[in-house]
C-alpha atoms as a PDB file:
ATOM      1  CA  MET A   1      -8.683 -56.762 -79.679  1.00  0.00           C
ATOM      2  CA  TYR A   2     -12.606 -57.194 -79.582  1.00  0.00           C
ATOM      3  CA  LEU A   3     -14.351 -56.614 -82.682  1.00  0.00           C
ATOM      4  CA  ASP A   4     -18.008 -57.147 -83.900  1.00  0.00           C
ATOM      5  CA  ASP A   5     -20.149 -55.309 -87.253  1.00  0.00           C
ATOM      6  CA  ASP A   6     -20.616 -52.039 -84.989  1.00  0.00           C
ATOM      7  CA  PRO A   7     -19.699 -48.957 -87.584  1.00  0.00           C
ATOM      8  CA  GLY A   8     -17.375 -47.891 -84.489  1.00  0.00           C
ATOM      9  CA  VAL A   9     -15.395 -50.617 -83.620  1.00  0.00           C
ATOM     10  CA  ILE A  10     -14.902 -51.296 -87.193  1.00  0.00           C
ATOM     11  CA  VAL A  11     -13.821 -47.714 -88.011  1.00  0.00           C
ATOM     12  CA  SER A  12     -11.778 -48.205 -84.466  1.00  0.00           C
ATOM     13  CA  ALA A  13     -10.219 -51.313 -85.772  1.00  0.00           C
ATOM     14  CA  CYS A  14      -9.150 -49.361 -89.116  1.00  0.00           C
ATOM     15  CA  LEU A  15      -8.179 -46.224 -87.462  1.00  0.00           C
ATOM     16  CA  PHE A  16      -6.334 -46.687 -84.427  1.00  0.00           C
ATOM     17  CA  GLY A  17      -2.340 -47.442 -84.392  1.00  0.00           C
ATOM     18  CA  ASP A  18      -0.501 -47.470 -81.370  1.00  0.00           C
ATOM     19  CA  GLY A  19       2.129 -45.428 -79.575  1.00  0.00           C
ATOM     20  CA  ALA A  20       3.283 -43.491 -76.713  1.00  0.00           C
ATOM     21  CA  GLY A  21       4.538 -40.046 -76.045  1.00  0.00           C
ATOM     22  CA  ALA A  22       6.300 -38.313 -73.270  1.00  0.00           C
ATOM     23  CA  ALA A  23       7.631 -34.821 -72.951  1.00  0.00           C
ATOM     24  CA  VAL A  24      10.951 -33.781 -70.470  1.00  0.00           C
ATOM     25  CA  LEU A  25      10.428 -29.817 -69.461  1.00  0.00           C
ATOM     26  CA  SER A  26      13.057 -27.745 -67.503  1.00  0.00           C
ATOM     27  CA  CYS A  27      13.662 -24.086 -66.396  1.00  0.00           C
ATOM     28  CA  GLN A  28      16.621 -24.384 -67.761  1.00  0.00           C
ATOM     29  CA  PRO A  29      17.337 -23.990 -71.730  1.00  0.00           C
ATOM     30  CA  THR A  30      19.576 -26.157 -73.601  1.00  0.00           C
ATOM     31  CA  SER A  31      21.647 -25.194 -76.145  1.00  0.00           C
ATOM     32  CA  THR A  32      21.127 -28.483 -78.271  1.00  0.00           C
ATOM     33  CA  SER A  33      17.518 -28.234 -79.034  1.00  0.00           C
ATOM     34  CA  ARG A  34      15.121 -25.655 -79.864  1.00  0.00           C
ATOM     35  CA  GLN A  35      13.172 -23.755 -77.002  1.00  0.00           C
ATOM     36  CA  ILE A  36       9.876 -24.613 -76.617  1.00  0.00           C
ATOM     37  CA  GLU A  37       8.179 -22.143 -73.972  1.00  0.00           C
ATOM     38  CA  TRP A  38       4.755 -23.654 -72.458  1.00  0.00           C
ATOM     39  CA  ILE A  39       2.848 -20.927 -72.029  1.00  0.00           C
ATOM     40  CA  ASP A  40      -0.783 -21.988 -70.268  1.00  0.00           C
ATOM     41  CA  SER A  41      -2.950 -24.947 -70.993  1.00  0.00           C
ATOM     42  CA  ILE A  42      -6.401 -25.727 -70.355  1.00  0.00           C
ATOM     43  CA  SER A  43      -8.455 -29.422 -70.173  1.00  0.00           C
ATOM     44  CA  LEU A  44     -12.363 -29.710 -70.739  1.00  0.00           C
ATOM     45  CA  ILE A  45     -14.261 -32.355 -69.896  1.00  0.00           C
ATOM     46  CA  ASP A  46     -17.571 -32.957 -70.519  1.00  0.00           C
ATOM     47  CA  PRO A  47     -19.063 -36.274 -69.321  1.00  0.00           C
ATOM     48  CA  SER A  48     -22.717 -35.454 -70.768  1.00  0.00           C
ATOM     49  CA  LYS A  49     -20.815 -37.017 -73.740  1.00  0.00           C
ATOM     50  CA  ARG A  50     -18.728 -39.886 -72.905  1.00  0.00           C
ATOM     51  CA  LYS A  51     -21.401 -42.199 -74.482  1.00  0.00           C
ATOM     52  CA  ALA A  52     -19.488 -40.553 -77.812  1.00  0.00           C
ATOM     53  CA  LEU A  53     -16.055 -42.056 -77.136  1.00  0.00           C
ATOM     54  CA  MET A  54     -15.572 -44.599 -74.893  1.00  0.00           C
ATOM     55  CA  PHE A  55     -13.307 -48.123 -73.784  1.00  0.00           C
ATOM     56  CA  GLU A  56     -15.922 -50.564 -72.593  1.00  0.00           C
ATOM     57  CA  GLN A  57     -15.330 -54.091 -71.418  1.00  0.00           C
ATOM     58  CA  ARG A  58     -17.271 -56.770 -73.399  1.00  0.00           C
ATOM     59  CA  GLU A  59     -16.247 -60.772 -73.076  1.00  0.00           C
ATOM     60  CA  GLY A  60     -13.079 -59.825 -71.357  1.00  0.00           C
ATOM     61  CA  MET A  61     -11.646 -57.776 -74.097  1.00  0.00           C
ATOM     62  CA  LEU A  62     -11.153 -53.539 -74.841  1.00  0.00           C
ATOM     63  CA  ARG A  63     -14.434 -52.716 -76.835  1.00  0.00           C
ATOM     64  CA  ASN A  64     -14.147 -48.928 -78.681  1.00  0.00           C
ATOM     65  CA  VAL A  65     -17.079 -46.848 -78.451  1.00  0.00           C
ATOM     66  CA  LEU A  66     -16.605 -44.611 -81.636  1.00  0.00           C
ATOM     67  CA  THR A  67     -20.087 -42.336 -82.636  1.00  0.00           C
ATOM     68  CA  ARG A  68     -20.455 -40.249 -85.573  1.00  0.00           C
ATOM     69  CA  ALA A  69     -20.683 -37.087 -83.235  1.00  0.00           C
ATOM     70  CA  VAL A  70     -17.180 -37.482 -82.712  1.00  0.00           C
ATOM     71  CA  PRO A  71     -15.621 -34.838 -85.080  1.00  0.00           C
ATOM     72  CA  SER A  72     -18.196 -32.682 -84.570  1.00  0.00           C
ATOM     73  CA  LEU A  73     -17.772 -32.908 -80.918  1.00  0.00           C
ATOM     74  CA  ALA A  74     -13.923 -32.374 -81.468  1.00  0.00           C
ATOM     75  CA  GLY A  75     -14.363 -28.968 -82.965  1.00  0.00           C
ATOM     76  CA  GLN A  76     -16.254 -27.726 -80.942  1.00  0.00           C
ATOM     77  CA  TYR A  77     -14.483 -28.815 -77.773  1.00  0.00           C
ATOM     78  CA  ALA A  78     -10.843 -27.678 -79.501  1.00  0.00           C
ATOM     79  CA  ARG A  79     -13.073 -23.990 -80.339  1.00  0.00           C
ATOM     80  CA  GLN A  80     -13.598 -23.443 -76.842  1.00  0.00           C
ATOM     81  CA  VAL A  81     -10.248 -24.790 -75.265  1.00  0.00           C
ATOM     82  CA  LEU A  82      -8.397 -22.855 -78.082  1.00  0.00           C
ATOM     83  CA  ASP A  83     -10.789 -19.458 -77.558  1.00  0.00           C
ATOM     84  CA  THR A  84     -10.266 -19.274 -73.714  1.00  0.00           C
ATOM     85  CA  LEU A  85      -6.799 -19.497 -73.771  1.00  0.00           C
ATOM     86  CA  LEU A  86      -6.054 -17.458 -76.417  1.00  0.00           C
ATOM     87  CA  ASP A  87      -8.775 -14.742 -74.622  1.00  0.00           C
ATOM     88  CA  ARG A  88      -6.192 -15.621 -71.946  1.00  0.00           C
ATOM     89  CA  GLY A  89      -2.992 -14.179 -73.527  1.00  0.00           C
ATOM     90  CA  ARG A  90      -5.072 -11.843 -75.241  1.00  0.00           C
ATOM     91  CA  LEU A  91      -3.628 -13.494 -78.655  1.00  0.00           C
ATOM     92  CA  SER A  92      -6.285 -14.149 -81.630  1.00  0.00           C
ATOM     93  CA  PRO A  93      -5.955 -17.214 -83.668  1.00  0.00           C
ATOM     94  CA  SER A  94      -4.414 -15.508 -86.687  1.00  0.00           C
ATOM     95  CA  ASP A  95      -1.536 -15.353 -84.643  1.00  0.00           C
ATOM     96  CA  VAL A  96      -1.446 -19.349 -83.728  1.00  0.00           C
ATOM     97  CA  GLY A  97       1.533 -19.815 -86.400  1.00  0.00           C
ATOM     98  CA  THR A  98       1.721 -23.935 -86.735  1.00  0.00           C
ATOM     99  CA  TRP A  99      -0.846 -26.586 -85.716  1.00  0.00           C
ATOM    100  CA  ILE A 100      -0.261 -29.150 -83.253  1.00  0.00           C
ATOM    101  CA  LEU A 101      -3.498 -31.172 -83.522  1.00  0.00           C
ATOM    102  CA  HIS A 102      -4.466 -34.665 -82.293  1.00  0.00           C
ATOM    103  CA  ALA A 103      -6.302 -36.057 -85.903  1.00  0.00           C
ATOM    104  CA  GLY A 104      -8.205 -38.324 -84.717  1.00  0.00           C
ATOM    105  CA  GLY A 105      -9.573 -39.603 -87.977  1.00  0.00           C
ATOM    106  CA  ARG A 106      -9.886 -38.283 -91.795  1.00  0.00           C
ATOM    107  CA  ASP A 107     -13.700 -36.530 -90.603  1.00  0.00           C
ATOM    108  CA  VAL A 108     -12.023 -35.146 -87.259  1.00  0.00           C
ATOM    109  CA  LEU A 109      -9.492 -33.512 -89.129  1.00  0.00           C
ATOM    110  CA  LEU A 110     -11.598 -31.580 -91.444  1.00  0.00           C
ATOM    111  CA  ALA A 111     -13.793 -30.523 -88.791  1.00  0.00           C
ATOM    112  CA  LEU A 112     -10.739 -29.061 -86.890  1.00  0.00           C
ATOM    113  CA  GLU A 113      -9.984 -27.530 -90.568  1.00  0.00           C
ATOM    114  CA  ARG A 114     -13.201 -26.049 -91.421  1.00  0.00           C
ATOM    115  CA  GLU A 115     -13.561 -25.032 -87.526  1.00  0.00           C
ATOM    116  CA  PHE A 116     -10.711 -23.169 -87.485  1.00  0.00           C
ATOM    117  CA  ASP A 117     -10.844 -21.925 -90.985  1.00  0.00           C
ATOM    118  CA  LEU A 118      -7.453 -23.411 -91.533  1.00  0.00           C
ATOM    119  CA  GLN A 119      -5.943 -24.644 -95.110  1.00  0.00           C
ATOM    120  CA  PRO A 120      -4.873 -27.965 -95.616  1.00  0.00           C
ATOM    121  CA  ARG A 121      -1.286 -27.156 -95.538  1.00  0.00           C
ATOM    122  CA  ASP A 122      -1.994 -25.984 -91.926  1.00  0.00           C
ATOM    123  CA  LEU A 123      -2.462 -29.439 -90.869  1.00  0.00           C
ATOM    124  CA  GLN A 124      -0.179 -31.039 -93.056  1.00  0.00           C
ATOM    125  CA  TYR A 125       1.977 -32.482 -89.821  1.00  0.00           C
ATOM    126  CA  SER A 126      -1.213 -34.141 -88.456  1.00  0.00           C
ATOM    127  CA  ALA A 127      -2.502 -35.388 -91.511  1.00  0.00           C
ATOM    128  CA  ALA A 128       1.122 -37.228 -91.845  1.00  0.00           C
ATOM    129  CA  MET A 129       1.027 -38.898 -89.235  1.00  0.00           C
ATOM    130  CA  LEU A 130      -2.651 -39.964 -89.360  1.00  0.00           C
ATOM    131  CA  ARG A 131      -0.998 -41.335 -92.479  1.00  0.00           C
ATOM    132  CA  GLU A 132       1.842 -42.616 -90.945  1.00  0.00           C
ATOM    133  CA  TYR A 133       0.603 -44.262 -88.273  1.00  0.00           C
ATOM    134  CA  GLY A 134      -3.385 -43.946 -87.876  1.00  0.00           C
ATOM    135  CA  ASN A 135      -4.407 -42.090 -84.373  1.00  0.00           C
ATOM    136  CA  MET A 136      -2.278 -43.457 -81.443  1.00  0.00           C
ATOM    137  CA  SER A 137      -4.846 -41.372 -79.294  1.00  0.00           C
ATOM    138  CA  SER A 138      -3.832 -38.260 -77.657  1.00  0.00           C
ATOM    139  CA  ALA A 139       0.096 -39.016 -77.273  1.00  0.00           C
ATOM    140  CA  PHE A 140      -0.168 -38.510 -80.468  1.00  0.00           C
ATOM    141  CA  VAL A 141       0.418 -34.569 -80.164  1.00  0.00           C
ATOM    142  CA  TYR A 142       3.760 -35.450 -79.705  1.00  0.00           C
ATOM    143  CA  PHE A 143       5.051 -37.299 -83.222  1.00  0.00           C
ATOM    144  CA  VAL A 144       2.744 -34.204 -84.671  1.00  0.00           C
ATOM    145  CA  LEU A 145       5.239 -31.694 -82.601  1.00  0.00           C
ATOM    146  CA  GLN A 146       8.399 -33.832 -83.306  1.00  0.00           C
ATOM    147  CA  ALA A 147       7.347 -33.317 -87.127  1.00  0.00           C
ATOM    148  CA  ALA A 148       7.265 -29.277 -87.113  1.00  0.00           C
ATOM    149  CA  LEU A 149       9.945 -29.420 -84.914  1.00  0.00           C
ATOM    150  CA  ALA A 150      12.074 -31.771 -87.397  1.00  0.00           C
ATOM    151  CA  ASP A 151      10.958 -29.405 -90.506  1.00  0.00           C
ATOM    152  CA  LYS A 152      12.113 -26.381 -89.348  1.00  0.00           C
ATOM    153  CA  ALA A 153       8.518 -24.717 -88.780  1.00  0.00           C
ATOM    154  CA  PRO A 154       8.851 -21.140 -88.201  1.00  0.00           C
ATOM    155  CA  GLY A 155       9.004 -20.157 -84.287  1.00  0.00           C
ATOM    156  CA  GLY A 156       6.290 -18.227 -82.833  1.00  0.00           C
ATOM    157  CA  TRP A 157       3.015 -19.369 -81.507  1.00  0.00           C
ATOM    158  CA  TRP A 158       2.146 -22.707 -81.609  1.00  0.00           C
ATOM    159  CA  TRP A 159      -1.521 -24.454 -80.676  1.00  0.00           C
ATOM    160  CA  MET A 160      -0.962 -28.103 -79.684  1.00  0.00           C
ATOM    161  CA  SER A 161      -4.568 -29.863 -78.762  1.00  0.00           C
ATOM    162  CA  SER A 162      -5.751 -33.315 -78.231  1.00  0.00           C
ATOM    163  CA  PHE A 163      -8.929 -34.793 -77.272  1.00  0.00           C
ATOM    164  CA  GLY A 164     -10.039 -38.323 -75.890  1.00  0.00           C
ATOM    165  CA  ALA A 165     -12.716 -40.051 -74.118  1.00  0.00           C
ATOM    166  CA  GLY A 166     -14.408 -38.841 -71.300  1.00  0.00           C
ATOM    167  CA  PHE A 167     -15.593 -36.391 -73.705  1.00  0.00           C
ATOM    168  CA  SER A 168     -12.256 -34.670 -72.669  1.00  0.00           C
ATOM    169  CA  CYS A 169     -10.642 -31.869 -74.996  1.00  0.00           C
ATOM    170  CA  HIS A 170      -7.031 -30.619 -73.689  1.00  0.00           C
ATOM    171  CA  GLY A 171      -4.939 -27.474 -75.221  1.00  0.00           C
ATOM    172  CA  ALA A 172      -1.188 -25.713 -74.687  1.00  0.00           C
ATOM    173  CA  LEU A 173       0.045 -22.730 -76.249  1.00  0.00           C
ATOM    174  CA  LEU A 174       3.019 -23.101 -76.396  1.00  0.00           C
ATOM    175  CA  ARG A 175       5.721 -19.830 -77.611  1.00  0.00           C
ATOM    176  CA  VAL A 176       8.631 -22.123 -79.629  1.00  0.00           C
ATOM    177  CA  ALA A 177      12.481 -19.773 -80.400  1.00  0.00           C
ATOM    178  CA  PRO A 178      13.060 -19.663 -84.208  1.00  0.00           C
ATOM    179  CA  GLU A 179      15.286 -22.258 -85.760  1.00  0.00           C
ATOM    180  CA  ALA A 180      19.203 -21.272 -85.143  1.00  0.00           C
ATOM    181  CA  GLY A 181      20.358 -19.236 -88.118  1.00  0.00           C
ATOM    182  CA  ALA A 182      17.011 -18.681 -89.164  1.00  0.00           C
END
């Protein structure tokens, strides 16, 4: 792990955890789990903002570049991605009942809360995963998704979004079946 006195490197060292995630997708529903239907998705990549969040090699080690622009960029690009998919699905933000968001960090969560006009409870799963594990990069959303499912979050429209180096932002519109017996 590369460390120096750059504030972005110091924050990264304190913020980033380690995690991996995967999703198994099937056209055949199972009777053992809630049905989650992946309706639509999109990615937005803006190489002109690459220097805001990136990795570089220094002294043979990986150095994370993290700037103060990241929370604002995360909010701005997450809004673009969300608006594009909601427009394609003829939905509005008020149709989204559960938010599965990559926290990135405290300031990113606050920027997303402001951008989407959400309440802290709307980001409860993202905030809990950030407290428990730190920022696990884009795989973070799978941990948030698992927490929402375990908590029996209401079915309906769910929004899942992550971002990363590049600057990139990814989003997926999900339709989640109600909990059995609900």
